[in-house]
Amino acid sequence: RTIKEVFDGNIEIVKSRYTALGNIC
């Protein structure tokens, strides 16, 4: 909610075992 209050672009939760998204992409 905190992020959505400020950013109005696309926001998606990645339901994956890969969680270090900033490192893998």
PDB file of all heavy atoms in Angstrom:
ATOM      1  N   ARG A   1       0.824  -1.205   0.000  1.00  0.00           N
ATOM      2  CA  ARG A   1       0.000   0.000   0.000  1.00  0.00           C
ATOM      3  C   ARG A   1       0.860   1.257   0.000  1.00  0.00           C
ATOM      4  O   ARG A   1       0.556   2.232  -0.698  1.00  0.00           O
ATOM      5  CB  ARG A   1      -0.936   0.012   1.208  1.00  0.00           C
ATOM      6  CG  ARG A   1      -2.136  -0.895   1.083  1.00  0.00           C
ATOM      7  CD  ARG A   1      -3.190  -0.563   2.136  1.00  0.00           C
ATOM      8  NE  ARG A   1      -2.658  -0.690   3.487  1.00  0.00           N
ATOM      9  CZ  ARG A   1      -2.716  -1.810   4.194  1.00  0.00           C
ATOM     10  NH1 ARG A   1      -3.260  -2.903   3.672  1.00  0.00           N
ATOM     11  NH2 ARG A   1      -2.224  -1.852   5.420  1.00  0.00           N
ATOM     12  N   THR A   2       1.930   1.238   0.763  1.00  0.00           N
ATOM     13  CA  THR A   2       2.819   2.397   0.840  1.00  0.00           C
ATOM     14  C   THR A   2       3.400   2.735  -0.532  1.00  0.00           C
ATOM     15  O   THR A   2       3.480   3.908  -0.919  1.00  0.00           O
ATOM     16  CB  THR A   2       3.964   2.126   1.830  1.00  0.00           C
ATOM     17  OG1 THR A   2       3.405   1.936   3.130  1.00  0.00           O
ATOM     18  CG2 THR A   2       4.945   3.288   1.875  1.00  0.00           C
ATOM     19  N   ILE A   3       3.807   1.719  -1.278  1.00  0.00           N
ATOM     20  CA  ILE A   3       4.362   1.943  -2.613  1.00  0.00           C
ATOM     21  C   ILE A   3       3.278   2.394  -3.584  1.00  0.00           C
ATOM     22  O   ILE A   3       3.470   3.335  -4.367  1.00  0.00           O
ATOM     23  CB  ILE A   3       5.061   0.668  -3.122  1.00  0.00           C
ATOM     24  CG1 ILE A   3       6.258   0.330  -2.225  1.00  0.00           C
ATOM     25  CG2 ILE A   3       5.517   0.836  -4.572  1.00  0.00           C
ATOM     26  CD1 ILE A   3       6.877  -1.019  -2.489  1.00  0.00           C
ATOM     27  N   LYS A   4       2.116   1.778  -3.520  1.00  0.00           N
ATOM     28  CA  LYS A   4       1.023   2.131  -4.430  1.00  0.00           C
ATOM     29  C   LYS A   4       0.522   3.553  -4.219  1.00  0.00           C
ATOM     30  O   LYS A   4       0.014   4.189  -5.146  1.00  0.00           O
ATOM     31  CB  LYS A   4      -0.138   1.138  -4.261  1.00  0.00           C
ATOM     32  CG  LYS A   4       0.104  -0.204  -4.916  1.00  0.00           C
ATOM     33  CD  LYS A   4      -1.141  -1.083  -4.822  1.00  0.00           C
ATOM     34  CE  LYS A   4      -0.990  -2.354  -5.647  1.00  0.00           C
ATOM     35  NZ  LYS A   4      -2.194  -3.210  -5.592  1.00  0.00           N
ATOM     36  N   GLU A   5       0.654   4.060  -3.012  1.00  0.00           N
ATOM     37  CA  GLU A   5       0.214   5.419  -2.725  1.00  0.00           C
ATOM     38  C   GLU A   5       1.037   6.460  -3.480  1.00  0.00           C
ATOM     39  O   GLU A   5       0.572   7.573  -3.712  1.00  0.00           O
ATOM     40  CB  GLU A   5       0.298   5.700  -1.219  1.00  0.00           C
ATOM     41  CG  GLU A   5      -0.800   5.029  -0.409  1.00  0.00           C
ATOM     42  CD  GLU A   5      -0.578   5.154   1.090  1.00  0.00           C
ATOM     43  OE1 GLU A   5       0.446   5.775   1.489  1.00  0.00           O
ATOM     44  OE2 GLU A   5      -1.394   4.633   1.861  1.00  0.00           O
ATOM     45  N   VAL A   6       2.243   6.098  -3.869  1.00  0.00           N
ATOM     46  CA  VAL A   6       3.150   7.056  -4.506  1.00  0.00           C
ATOM     47  C   VAL A   6       3.383   6.751  -5.984  1.00  0.00           C
ATOM     48  O   VAL A   6       3.523   7.658  -6.796  1.00  0.00           O
ATOM     49  CB  VAL A   6       4.496   7.090  -3.753  1.00  0.00           C
ATOM     50  CG1 VAL A   6       5.467   8.048  -4.413  1.00  0.00           C
ATOM     51  CG2 VAL A   6       4.276   7.480  -2.292  1.00  0.00           C
ATOM     52  N   PHE A   7       3.414   5.473  -6.341  1.00  0.00           N
ATOM     53  CA  PHE A   7       3.717   5.081  -7.724  1.00  0.00           C
ATOM     54  C   PHE A   7       2.456   4.595  -8.412  1.00  0.00           C
ATOM     55  O   PHE A   7       1.833   3.628  -7.977  1.00  0.00           O
ATOM     56  CB  PHE A   7       4.778   3.974  -7.737  1.00  0.00           C
ATOM     57  CG  PHE A   7       5.228   3.574  -9.115  1.00  0.00           C
ATOM     58  CD1 PHE A   7       5.947   4.447  -9.911  1.00  0.00           C
ATOM     59  CD2 PHE A   7       4.925   2.312  -9.622  1.00  0.00           C
ATOM     60  CE1 PHE A   7       6.368   4.083 -11.180  1.00  0.00           C
ATOM     61  CE2 PHE A   7       5.338   1.939 -10.896  1.00  0.00           C
ATOM     62  CZ  PHE A   7       6.064   2.832 -11.674  1.00  0.00           C
ATOM     63  N   ASP A   8       2.080   5.257  -9.510  1.00  0.00           N
ATOM     64  CA  ASP A   8       0.842   4.912 -10.211  1.00  0.00           C
ATOM     65  C   ASP A   8       1.082   4.085 -11.475  1.00  0.00           C
ATOM     66  O   ASP A   8       0.170   3.888 -12.278  1.00  0.00           O
ATOM     67  CB  ASP A   8       0.041   6.168 -10.557  1.00  0.00           C
ATOM     68  CG  ASP A   8       0.799   7.127 -11.478  1.00  0.00           C
ATOM     69  OD1 ASP A   8       1.955   6.817 -11.850  1.00  0.00           O
ATOM     70  OD2 ASP A   8       0.239   8.182 -11.824  1.00  0.00           O
ATOM     71  N   GLY A   9       2.300   3.571 -11.655  1.00  0.00           N
ATOM     72  CA  GLY A   9       2.578   2.681 -12.776  1.00  0.00           C
ATOM     73  C   GLY A   9       2.158   1.260 -12.450  1.00  0.00           C
ATOM     74  O   GLY A   9       1.469   0.991 -11.455  1.00  0.00           O
ATOM     75  N   ASN A  10       2.560   0.331 -13.298  1.00  0.00           N
ATOM     76  CA  ASN A  10       2.242  -1.083 -13.067  1.00  0.00           C
ATOM     77  C   ASN A  10       3.002  -1.595 -11.852  1.00  0.00           C
ATOM     78  O   ASN A  10       4.200  -1.365 -11.718  1.00  0.00           O
ATOM     79  CB  ASN A  10       2.631  -1.927 -14.284  1.00  0.00           C
ATOM     80  CG  ASN A  10       1.969  -1.454 -15.562  1.00  0.00           C
ATOM     81  OD1 ASN A  10       0.824  -1.017 -15.544  1.00  0.00           O
ATOM     82  ND2 ASN A  10       2.684  -1.533 -16.674  1.00  0.00           N
ATOM     83  N   ILE A  11       2.310  -2.304 -10.985  1.00  0.00           N
ATOM     84  CA  ILE A  11       2.940  -2.941  -9.822  1.00  0.00           C
ATOM     85  C   ILE A  11       2.452  -4.378  -9.753  1.00  0.00           C
ATOM     86  O   ILE A  11       1.250  -4.630  -9.792  1.00  0.00           O
ATOM     87  CB  ILE A  11       2.604  -2.212  -8.509  1.00  0.00           C
ATOM     88  CG1 ILE A  11       3.146  -0.781  -8.524  1.00  0.00           C
ATOM     89  CG2 ILE A  11       3.177  -2.974  -7.311  1.00  0.00           C
ATOM     90  CD1 ILE A  11       2.797   0.024  -7.295  1.00  0.00           C
ATOM     91  N   GLU A  12       3.377  -5.311  -9.657  1.00  0.00           N
ATOM     92  CA  GLU A  12       3.003  -6.727  -9.648  1.00  0.00           C
ATOM     93  C   GLU A  12       3.854  -7.489  -8.629  1.00  0.00           C
ATOM     94  O   GLU A  12       5.052  -7.264  -8.507  1.00  0.00           O
ATOM     95  CB  GLU A  12       3.229  -7.328 -11.034  1.00  0.00           C
ATOM     96  CG  GLU A  12       2.655  -8.716 -11.210  1.00  0.00           C
ATOM     97  CD  GLU A  12       1.141  -8.724 -11.383  1.00  0.00           C
ATOM     98  OE1 GLU A  12       0.571  -7.695 -11.800  1.00  0.00           O
ATOM     99  OE2 GLU A  12       0.537  -9.771 -11.105  1.00  0.00           O
ATOM    100  N   ILE A  13       3.199  -8.380  -7.905  1.00  0.00           N
ATOM    101  CA  ILE A  13       3.902  -9.277  -7.006  1.00  0.00           C
ATOM    102  C   ILE A  13       4.268 -10.538  -7.784  1.00  0.00           C
ATOM    103  O   ILE A  13       3.411 -11.153  -8.417  1.00  0.00           O
ATOM    104  CB  ILE A  13       3.031  -9.630  -5.788  1.00  0.00           C
ATOM    105  CG1 ILE A  13       2.719  -8.372  -4.981  1.00  0.00           C
ATOM    106  CG2 ILE A  13       3.739 -10.664  -4.914  1.00  0.00           C
ATOM    107  CD1 ILE A  13       1.729  -8.602  -3.867  1.00  0.00           C
ATOM    108  N   VAL A  14       5.538 -10.905  -7.754  1.00  0.00           N
ATOM    109  CA  VAL A  14       6.026 -12.068  -8.487  1.00  0.00           C
ATOM    110  C   VAL A  14       5.907 -13.295  -7.579  1.00  0.00           C
ATOM    111  O   VAL A  14       6.663 -13.438  -6.623  1.00  0.00           O
ATOM    112  CB  VAL A  14       7.488 -11.867  -8.930  1.00  0.00           C
ATOM    113  CG1 VAL A  14       7.981 -13.095  -9.692  1.00  0.00           C
ATOM    114  CG2 VAL A  14       7.610 -10.618  -9.802  1.00  0.00           C
ATOM    115  N   LYS A  15       4.971 -14.135  -7.880  1.00  0.00           N
ATOM    116  CA  LYS A  15       4.750 -15.337  -7.058  1.00  0.00           C
ATOM    117  C   LYS A  15       5.675 -16.448  -7.543  1.00  0.00           C
ATOM    118  O   LYS A  15       5.269 -17.378  -8.226  1.00  0.00           O
ATOM    119  CB  LYS A  15       3.279 -15.743  -7.126  1.00  0.00           C
ATOM    120  CG  LYS A  15       2.353 -14.713  -6.491  1.00  0.00           C
ATOM    121  CD  LYS A  15       0.905 -15.137  -6.564  1.00  0.00           C
ATOM    122  CE  LYS A  15       0.001 -14.205  -5.772  1.00  0.00           C
ATOM    123  NZ  LYS A  15      -0.007 -12.829  -6.286  1.00  0.00           N
ATOM    124  N   SER A  16       6.927 -16.312  -7.176  1.00  0.00           N
ATOM    125  CA  SER A  16       7.973 -17.215  -7.653  1.00  0.00           C
ATOM    126  C   SER A  16       8.945 -17.512  -6.524  1.00  0.00           C
ATOM    127  O   SER A  16       9.043 -16.764  -5.549  1.00  0.00           O
ATOM    128  CB  SER A  16       8.720 -16.564  -8.820  1.00  0.00           C
ATOM    129  OG  SER A  16       9.934 -17.228  -9.103  1.00  0.00           O
ATOM    130  N   ARG A  17       9.675 -18.619  -6.668  1.00  0.00           N
ATOM    131  CA  ARG A  17      10.724 -18.915  -5.694  1.00  0.00           C
ATOM    132  C   ARG A  17      11.885 -17.951  -5.831  1.00  0.00           C
ATOM    133  O   ARG A  17      12.726 -17.838  -4.926  1.00  0.00           O
ATOM    134  CB  ARG A  17      11.204 -20.353  -5.853  1.00  0.00           C
ATOM    135  CG  ARG A  17      11.958 -20.641  -7.152  1.00  0.00           C
ATOM    136  CD  ARG A  17      12.236 -22.127  -7.275  1.00  0.00           C
ATOM    137  NE  ARG A  17      13.053 -22.466  -8.427  1.00  0.00           N
ATOM    138  CZ  ARG A  17      12.585 -22.627  -9.652  1.00  0.00           C
ATOM    139  NH1 ARG A  17      11.288 -22.442  -9.888  1.00  0.00           N
ATOM    140  NH2 ARG A  17      13.385 -22.966 -10.648  1.00  0.00           N
ATOM    141  N   TYR A  18      11.967 -17.252  -6.965  1.00  0.00           N
ATOM    142  CA  TYR A  18      13.019 -16.268  -7.167  1.00  0.00           C
ATOM    143  C   TYR A  18      12.574 -14.947  -6.533  1.00  0.00           C
ATOM    144  O   TYR A  18      11.608 -14.328  -6.979  1.00  0.00           O
ATOM    145  CB  TYR A  18      13.290 -16.067  -8.661  1.00  0.00           C
ATOM    146  CG  TYR A  18      13.706 -17.328  -9.367  1.00  0.00           C
ATOM    147  CD1 TYR A  18      12.872 -17.928 -10.308  1.00  0.00           C
ATOM    148  CD2 TYR A  18      14.926 -17.930  -9.092  1.00  0.00           C
ATOM    149  CE1 TYR A  18      13.250 -19.082 -10.964  1.00  0.00           C
ATOM    150  CE2 TYR A  18      15.312 -19.088  -9.745  1.00  0.00           C
ATOM    151  CZ  TYR A  18      14.473 -19.666 -10.673  1.00  0.00           C
ATOM    152  OH  TYR A  18      14.850 -20.820 -11.310  1.00  0.00           O
ATOM    153  N   THR A  19      13.252 -14.538  -5.502  1.00  0.00           N
ATOM    154  CA  THR A  19      12.838 -13.337  -4.775  1.00  0.00           C
ATOM    155  C   THR A  19      13.854 -12.202  -4.827  1.00  0.00           C
ATOM    156  O   THR A  19      13.487 -11.052  -4.578  1.00  0.00           O
ATOM    157  CB  THR A  19      12.561 -13.679  -3.299  1.00  0.00           C
ATOM    158  OG1 THR A  19      13.730 -14.256  -2.726  1.00  0.00           O
ATOM    159  CG2 THR A  19      11.396 -14.646  -3.176  1.00  0.00           C
ATOM    160  N   ALA A  20      15.112 -12.485  -5.153  1.00  0.00           N
ATOM    161  CA  ALA A  20      16.127 -11.430  -5.255  1.00  0.00           C
ATOM    162  C   ALA A  20      16.028 -10.782  -6.635  1.00  0.00           C
ATOM    163  O   ALA A  20      16.958 -10.841  -7.454  1.00  0.00           O
ATOM    164  CB  ALA A  20      17.521 -11.998  -5.009  1.00  0.00           C
ATOM    165  N   LEU A  21      14.890 -10.158  -6.895  1.00  0.00           N
ATOM    166  CA  LEU A  21      14.569  -9.671  -8.239  1.00  0.00           C
ATOM    167  C   LEU A  21      15.553  -8.616  -8.729  1.00  0.00           C
ATOM    168  O   LEU A  21      15.866  -8.534  -9.917  1.00  0.00           O
ATOM    169  CB  LEU A  21      13.142  -9.112  -8.255  1.00  0.00           C
ATOM    170  CG  LEU A  21      12.053 -10.103  -7.851  1.00  0.00           C
ATOM    171  CD1 LEU A  21      10.705  -9.395  -7.738  1.00  0.00           C
ATOM    172  CD2 LEU A  21      11.959 -11.248  -8.850  1.00  0.00           C
ATOM    173  N   GLY A  22      16.051  -7.798  -7.818  1.00  0.00           N
ATOM    174  CA  GLY A  22      17.012  -6.774  -8.209  1.00  0.00           C
ATOM    175  C   GLY A  22      18.346  -7.326  -8.654  1.00  0.00           C
ATOM    176  O   GLY A  22      19.084  -6.666  -9.390  1.00  0.00           O
ATOM    177  N   ASN A  23      18.664  -8.542  -8.224  1.00  0.00           N
ATOM    178  CA  ASN A  23      19.930  -9.173  -8.611  1.00  0.00           C
ATOM    179  C   ASN A  23      19.822 -10.011  -9.877  1.00  0.00           C
ATOM    180  O   ASN A  23      20.811 -10.197 -10.587  1.00  0.00           O
ATOM    181  CB  ASN A  23      20.454 -10.062  -7.481  1.00  0.00           C
ATOM    182  CG  ASN A  23      21.104  -9.266  -6.365  1.00  0.00           C
ATOM    183  OD1 ASN A  23      21.325  -8.068  -6.492  1.00  0.00           O
ATOM    184  ND2 ASN A  23      21.398  -9.937  -5.265  1.00  0.00           N
ATOM    185  N   ILE A  24      18.628 -10.543 -10.147  1.00  0.00           N
ATOM    186  CA  ILE A  24      18.495 -11.466 -11.275  1.00  0.00           C
ATOM    187  C   ILE A  24      17.990 -10.802 -12.542  1.00  0.00           C
ATOM    188  O   ILE A  24      17.944 -11.439 -13.594  1.00  0.00           O
ATOM    189  CB  ILE A  24      17.578 -12.654 -10.917  1.00  0.00           C
ATOM    190  CG1 ILE A  24      16.164 -12.170 -10.586  1.00  0.00           C
ATOM    191  CG2 ILE A  24      18.169 -13.456  -9.772  1.00  0.00           C
ATOM    192  CD1 ILE A  24      15.195 -13.293 -10.269  1.00  0.00           C
ATOM    193  N   CYS A  25      17.637  -9.512 -12.455  1.00  0.00           N
ATOM    194  CA  CYS A  25      17.108  -8.815 -13.625  1.00  0.00           C
ATOM    195  C   CYS A  25      17.788  -7.467 -13.781  1.00  0.00           C
ATOM    196  O   CYS A  25      17.925  -6.713 -12.819  1.00  0.00           O
ATOM    197  CB  CYS A  25      15.597  -8.627 -13.483  1.00  0.00           C
ATOM    198  SG  CYS A  25      14.820  -7.790 -14.878  1.00  0.00           S
TER     199      CYS A  25
END
